[in-house]
Amino acid sequence: MKKLLPFVIVALVIPGVALAKGKPPTKGNHGKAKVQYILKGDLSGFSAFSSPSTNGSVTILVDSSNRHGKALKNMSLTFTGMVTSNTNVVLDNGVTVITDGDQGIVKLRAPKEPRDMSGSDLAAILQALPVRQVIDQGTAS
């Protein structure tokens, strides 16, 4: 019986070794996490989307933002051709058009960037992406 015990142990270990595949496959990088940039400030130069070949644009002088866009404070960002058919435009009560100098919010989604990125580099990245929402809050009071 004592001579049989090592053979039984080896017989039980061999199937486990045979079934082991080694390291599991590594999962690919799905890219950077996307975050929402919320920029608040003075709107100007707004033109709405008019046709599939003509996208609109908007310019915002950033007064404040959420934490992802804090490097953009006091910068002017122009989103030329980035107001698309998917952009949600919200107008203040009774207003039919966004006029220059209106207070507003511009929202867009973009990859999360490092905190130490300069404002000009971040602005260049964001200005190349479509705007998700433009909110007109009326004139400054």
C-alpha atoms as a PDB file:
ATOM      1  CA  MET A   1       0.000   0.000   0.000  1.00  0.00           C
ATOM      2  CA  LYS A   2       2.858   2.412   0.848  1.00  0.00           C
ATOM      3  CA  LYS A   3       4.415   1.781  -2.574  1.00  0.00           C
ATOM      4  CA  LEU A   4       1.117   2.515  -4.303  1.00  0.00           C
ATOM      5  CA  LEU A   5       0.534   5.900  -2.607  1.00  0.00           C
ATOM      6  CA  PRO A   6       3.131   7.893  -4.652  1.00  0.00           C
ATOM      7  CA  PHE A   7       1.669   6.526  -7.887  1.00  0.00           C
ATOM      8  CA  VAL A   8      -1.831   7.579  -6.845  1.00  0.00           C
ATOM      9  CA  ILE A   9      -0.605  11.102  -6.011  1.00  0.00           C
ATOM     10  CA  VAL A  10       1.229  11.392  -9.339  1.00  0.00           C
ATOM     11  CA  ALA A  11      -1.842  10.111 -11.175  1.00  0.00           C
ATOM     12  CA  LEU A  12      -3.971  12.802  -9.546  1.00  0.00           C
ATOM     13  CA  VAL A  13      -1.488  15.611 -10.275  1.00  0.00           C
ATOM     14  CA  ILE A  14      -0.853  14.812 -13.961  1.00  0.00           C
ATOM     15  CA  PRO A  15      -4.384  15.648 -15.226  1.00  0.00           C
ATOM     16  CA  GLY A  16      -4.238  19.000 -13.415  1.00  0.00           C
ATOM     17  CA  VAL A  17      -0.936  19.823 -15.065  1.00  0.00           C
ATOM     18  CA  ALA A  18      -2.190  18.702 -18.454  1.00  0.00           C
ATOM     19  CA  LEU A  19      -5.248  20.937 -18.210  1.00  0.00           C
ATOM     20  CA  ALA A  20      -3.320  24.025 -17.068  1.00  0.00           C
ATOM     21  CA  LYS A  21      -2.924  26.479 -19.950  1.00  0.00           C
ATOM     22  CA  GLY A  22      -0.386  28.785 -18.375  1.00  0.00           C
ATOM     23  CA  LYS A  23      -1.016  32.490 -18.005  1.00  0.00           C
ATOM     24  CA  PRO A  24      -4.418  33.793 -19.046  1.00  0.00           C
ATOM     25  CA  PRO A  25      -4.364  35.988 -22.142  1.00  0.00           C
ATOM     26  CA  THR A  26      -3.847  39.669 -21.459  1.00  0.00           C
ATOM     27  CA  LYS A  27      -6.752  41.940 -22.217  1.00  0.00           C
ATOM     28  CA  GLY A  28      -6.080  44.655 -24.767  1.00  0.00           C
ATOM     29  CA  ASN A  29      -6.064  48.310 -23.897  1.00  0.00           C
ATOM     30  CA  HIS A  30      -9.518  49.689 -24.554  1.00  0.00           C
ATOM     31  CA  GLY A  31      -8.174  53.218 -24.778  1.00  0.00           C
ATOM     32  CA  LYS A  32      -8.307  56.069 -22.327  1.00  0.00           C
ATOM     33  CA  ALA A  33     -11.394  56.594 -20.239  1.00  0.00           C
ATOM     34  CA  LYS A  34     -13.694  59.242 -21.679  1.00  0.00           C
ATOM     35  CA  VAL A  35     -14.818  62.083 -19.463  1.00  0.00           C
ATOM     36  CA  GLN A  36     -17.162  65.004 -19.952  1.00  0.00           C
ATOM     37  CA  TYR A  37     -15.661  68.465 -20.207  1.00  0.00           C
ATOM     38  CA  ILE A  38     -18.092  71.178 -19.063  1.00  0.00           C
ATOM     39  CA  LEU A  39     -16.966  74.655 -20.107  1.00  0.00           C
ATOM     40  CA  LYS A  40     -18.823  77.745 -18.814  1.00  0.00           C
ATOM     41  CA  GLY A  41     -18.375  81.252 -20.124  1.00  0.00           C
ATOM     42  CA  ASP A  42     -19.284  83.794 -22.802  1.00  0.00           C
ATOM     43  CA  LEU A  43     -20.558  82.406 -26.103  1.00  0.00           C
ATOM     44  CA  SER A  44     -19.968  84.042 -29.476  1.00  0.00           C
ATOM     45  CA  GLY A  45     -19.845  83.212 -33.165  1.00  0.00           C
ATOM     46  CA  PHE A  46     -22.591  80.591 -32.918  1.00  0.00           C
ATOM     47  CA  SER A  47     -23.868  79.061 -36.124  1.00  0.00           C
ATOM     48  CA  ALA A  48     -26.178  76.065 -36.065  1.00  0.00           C
ATOM     49  CA  PHE A  49     -25.933  72.869 -38.068  1.00  0.00           C
ATOM     50  CA  SER A  50     -27.742  73.423 -41.372  1.00  0.00           C
ATOM     51  CA  SER A  51     -27.021  70.415 -43.590  1.00  0.00           C
ATOM     52  CA  PRO A  52     -24.857  67.281 -43.623  1.00  0.00           C
ATOM     53  CA  SER A  53     -22.213  69.178 -45.570  1.00  0.00           C
ATOM     54  CA  THR A  54     -22.371  72.295 -43.376  1.00  0.00           C
ATOM     55  CA  ASN A  55     -21.726  71.864 -39.673  1.00  0.00           C
ATOM     56  CA  GLY A  56     -22.028  74.807 -37.316  1.00  0.00           C
ATOM     57  CA  SER A  57     -19.542  76.367 -34.928  1.00  0.00           C
ATOM     58  CA  VAL A  58     -19.344  78.106 -31.569  1.00  0.00           C
ATOM     59  CA  THR A  59     -16.715  80.036 -29.606  1.00  0.00           C
ATOM     60  CA  ILE A  60     -16.541  80.165 -25.821  1.00  0.00           C
ATOM     61  CA  LEU A  61     -14.371  82.321 -23.569  1.00  0.00           C
ATOM     62  CA  VAL A  62     -13.979  79.959 -20.620  1.00  0.00           C
ATOM     63  CA  ASP A  63     -14.719  81.531 -17.234  1.00  0.00           C
ATOM     64  CA  SER A  64     -14.893  78.229 -15.366  1.00  0.00           C
ATOM     65  CA  SER A  65     -15.159  74.504 -15.959  1.00  0.00           C
ATOM     66  CA  ASN A  66     -15.329  71.188 -14.223  1.00  0.00           C
ATOM     67  CA  ARG A  67     -12.063  69.707 -12.937  1.00  0.00           C
ATOM     68  CA  HIS A  68     -11.166  68.122 -16.266  1.00  0.00           C
ATOM     69  CA  GLY A  69     -11.039  71.478 -18.047  1.00  0.00           C
ATOM     70  CA  LYS A  70      -9.561  73.693 -15.346  1.00  0.00           C
ATOM     71  CA  ALA A  71      -6.441  74.340 -17.457  1.00  0.00           C
ATOM     72  CA  LEU A  72      -8.678  76.107 -20.007  1.00  0.00           C
ATOM     73  CA  LYS A  73      -9.721  78.985 -17.723  1.00  0.00           C
ATOM     74  CA  ASN A  74      -9.545  82.410 -19.456  1.00  0.00           C
ATOM     75  CA  MET A  75      -8.911  80.773 -22.846  1.00  0.00           C
ATOM     76  CA  SER A  76     -11.035  81.227 -25.952  1.00  0.00           C
ATOM     77  CA  LEU A  77     -11.936  77.974 -27.708  1.00  0.00           C
ATOM     78  CA  THR A  78     -13.491  77.892 -31.172  1.00  0.00           C
ATOM     79  CA  PHE A  79     -15.240  74.712 -32.253  1.00  0.00           C
ATOM     80  CA  THR A  80     -15.329  75.296 -36.022  1.00  0.00           C
ATOM     81  CA  GLY A  81     -17.478  72.728 -37.794  1.00  0.00           C
ATOM     82  CA  MET A  82     -18.021  70.814 -34.557  1.00  0.00           C
ATOM     83  CA  VAL A  83     -21.689  71.695 -33.968  1.00  0.00           C
ATOM     84  CA  THR A  84     -23.254  68.703 -35.713  1.00  0.00           C
ATOM     85  CA  SER A  85     -26.728  67.237 -36.132  1.00  0.00           C
ATOM     86  CA  ASN A  86     -26.109  65.297 -32.896  1.00  0.00           C
ATOM     87  CA  THR A  87     -25.395  68.469 -30.896  1.00  0.00           C
ATOM     88  CA  ASN A  88     -28.168  69.358 -28.459  1.00  0.00           C
ATOM     89  CA  VAL A  89     -28.713  73.136 -28.480  1.00  0.00           C
ATOM     90  CA  VAL A  90     -30.680  74.477 -25.487  1.00  0.00           C
ATOM     91  CA  LEU A  91     -31.860  78.088 -25.627  1.00  0.00           C
ATOM     92  CA  ASP A  92     -32.790  80.353 -22.727  1.00  0.00           C
ATOM     93  CA  ASN A  93     -36.524  81.009 -22.183  1.00  0.00           C
ATOM     94  CA  GLY A  94     -38.005  82.901 -25.133  1.00  0.00           C
ATOM     95  CA  VAL A  95     -34.697  83.216 -26.982  1.00  0.00           C
ATOM     96  CA  THR A  96     -34.559  82.063 -30.593  1.00  0.00           C
ATOM     97  CA  VAL A  97     -30.857  82.523 -31.320  1.00  0.00           C
ATOM     98  CA  ILE A  98     -27.597  82.599 -29.362  1.00  0.00           C
ATOM     99  CA  THR A  99     -26.146  86.111 -29.539  1.00  0.00           C
ATOM    100  CA  ASP A 100     -22.562  87.149 -28.943  1.00  0.00           C
ATOM    101  CA  GLY A 101     -21.865  87.765 -25.258  1.00  0.00           C
ATOM    102  CA  ASP A 102     -24.522  85.394 -23.922  1.00  0.00           C
ATOM    103  CA  GLN A 103     -23.521  83.303 -20.939  1.00  0.00           C
ATOM    104  CA  GLY A 104     -23.502  79.627 -21.773  1.00  0.00           C
ATOM    105  CA  ILE A 105     -22.161  76.139 -21.361  1.00  0.00           C
ATOM    106  CA  VAL A 106     -20.431  73.902 -23.890  1.00  0.00           C
ATOM    107  CA  LYS A 107     -20.206  70.179 -23.138  1.00  0.00           C
ATOM    108  CA  LEU A 108     -18.136  67.555 -24.917  1.00  0.00           C
ATOM    109  CA  ARG A 109     -16.720  64.114 -24.253  1.00  0.00           C
ATOM    110  CA  ALA A 110     -13.056  63.392 -24.758  1.00  0.00           C
ATOM    111  CA  PRO A 111     -10.338  61.110 -23.450  1.00  0.00           C
ATOM    112  CA  LYS A 112      -9.164  61.947 -19.957  1.00  0.00           C
ATOM    113  CA  GLU A 113      -5.887  63.807 -20.212  1.00  0.00           C
ATOM    114  CA  PRO A 114      -3.064  64.082 -17.657  1.00  0.00           C
ATOM    115  CA  ARG A 115      -3.444  66.807 -15.042  1.00  0.00           C
ATOM    116  CA  ASP A 116      -0.150  68.394 -16.003  1.00  0.00           C
ATOM    117  CA  MET A 117      -1.153  68.891 -19.653  1.00  0.00           C
ATOM    118  CA  SER A 118      -0.957  72.541 -20.703  1.00  0.00           C
ATOM    119  CA  GLY A 119      -4.118  74.436 -21.516  1.00  0.00           C
ATOM    120  CA  SER A 120      -3.091  75.045 -25.123  1.00  0.00           C
ATOM    121  CA  ASP A 121      -2.474  71.320 -25.731  1.00  0.00           C
ATOM    122  CA  LEU A 122      -5.811  70.407 -24.164  1.00  0.00           C
ATOM    123  CA  ALA A 123      -7.569  73.120 -26.186  1.00  0.00           C
ATOM    124  CA  ALA A 124      -6.117  71.731 -29.424  1.00  0.00           C
ATOM    125  CA  ILE A 125      -7.414  68.254 -28.590  1.00  0.00           C
ATOM    126  CA  LEU A 126     -10.897  69.420 -27.583  1.00  0.00           C
ATOM    127  CA  GLN A 127     -11.407  71.765 -30.541  1.00  0.00           C
ATOM    128  CA  ALA A 128     -11.030  68.800 -32.898  1.00  0.00           C
ATOM    129  CA  LEU A 129     -13.934  66.916 -31.285  1.00  0.00           C
ATOM    130  CA  PRO A 130     -17.674  67.352 -31.848  1.00  0.00           C
ATOM    131  CA  VAL A 131     -19.653  69.372 -29.303  1.00  0.00           C
ATOM    132  CA  ARG A 132     -22.340  67.346 -27.507  1.00  0.00           C
ATOM    133  CA  GLN A 133     -24.360  70.211 -26.041  1.00  0.00           C
ATOM    134  CA  VAL A 134     -24.524  74.008 -26.186  1.00  0.00           C
ATOM    135  CA  ILE A 135     -26.645  75.696 -23.488  1.00  0.00           C
ATOM    136  CA  ASP A 136     -27.533  79.380 -23.790  1.00  0.00           C
ATOM    137  CA  GLN A 137     -28.163  80.965 -20.384  1.00  0.00           C
ATOM    138  CA  GLY A 138     -29.011  84.431 -21.666  1.00  0.00           C
ATOM    139  CA  THR A 139     -27.182  87.700 -21.196  1.00  0.00           C
ATOM    140  CA  ALA A 140     -24.937  88.315 -18.222  1.00  0.00           C
ATOM    141  CA  SER A 141     -26.718  90.172 -15.447  1.00  0.00           C
END
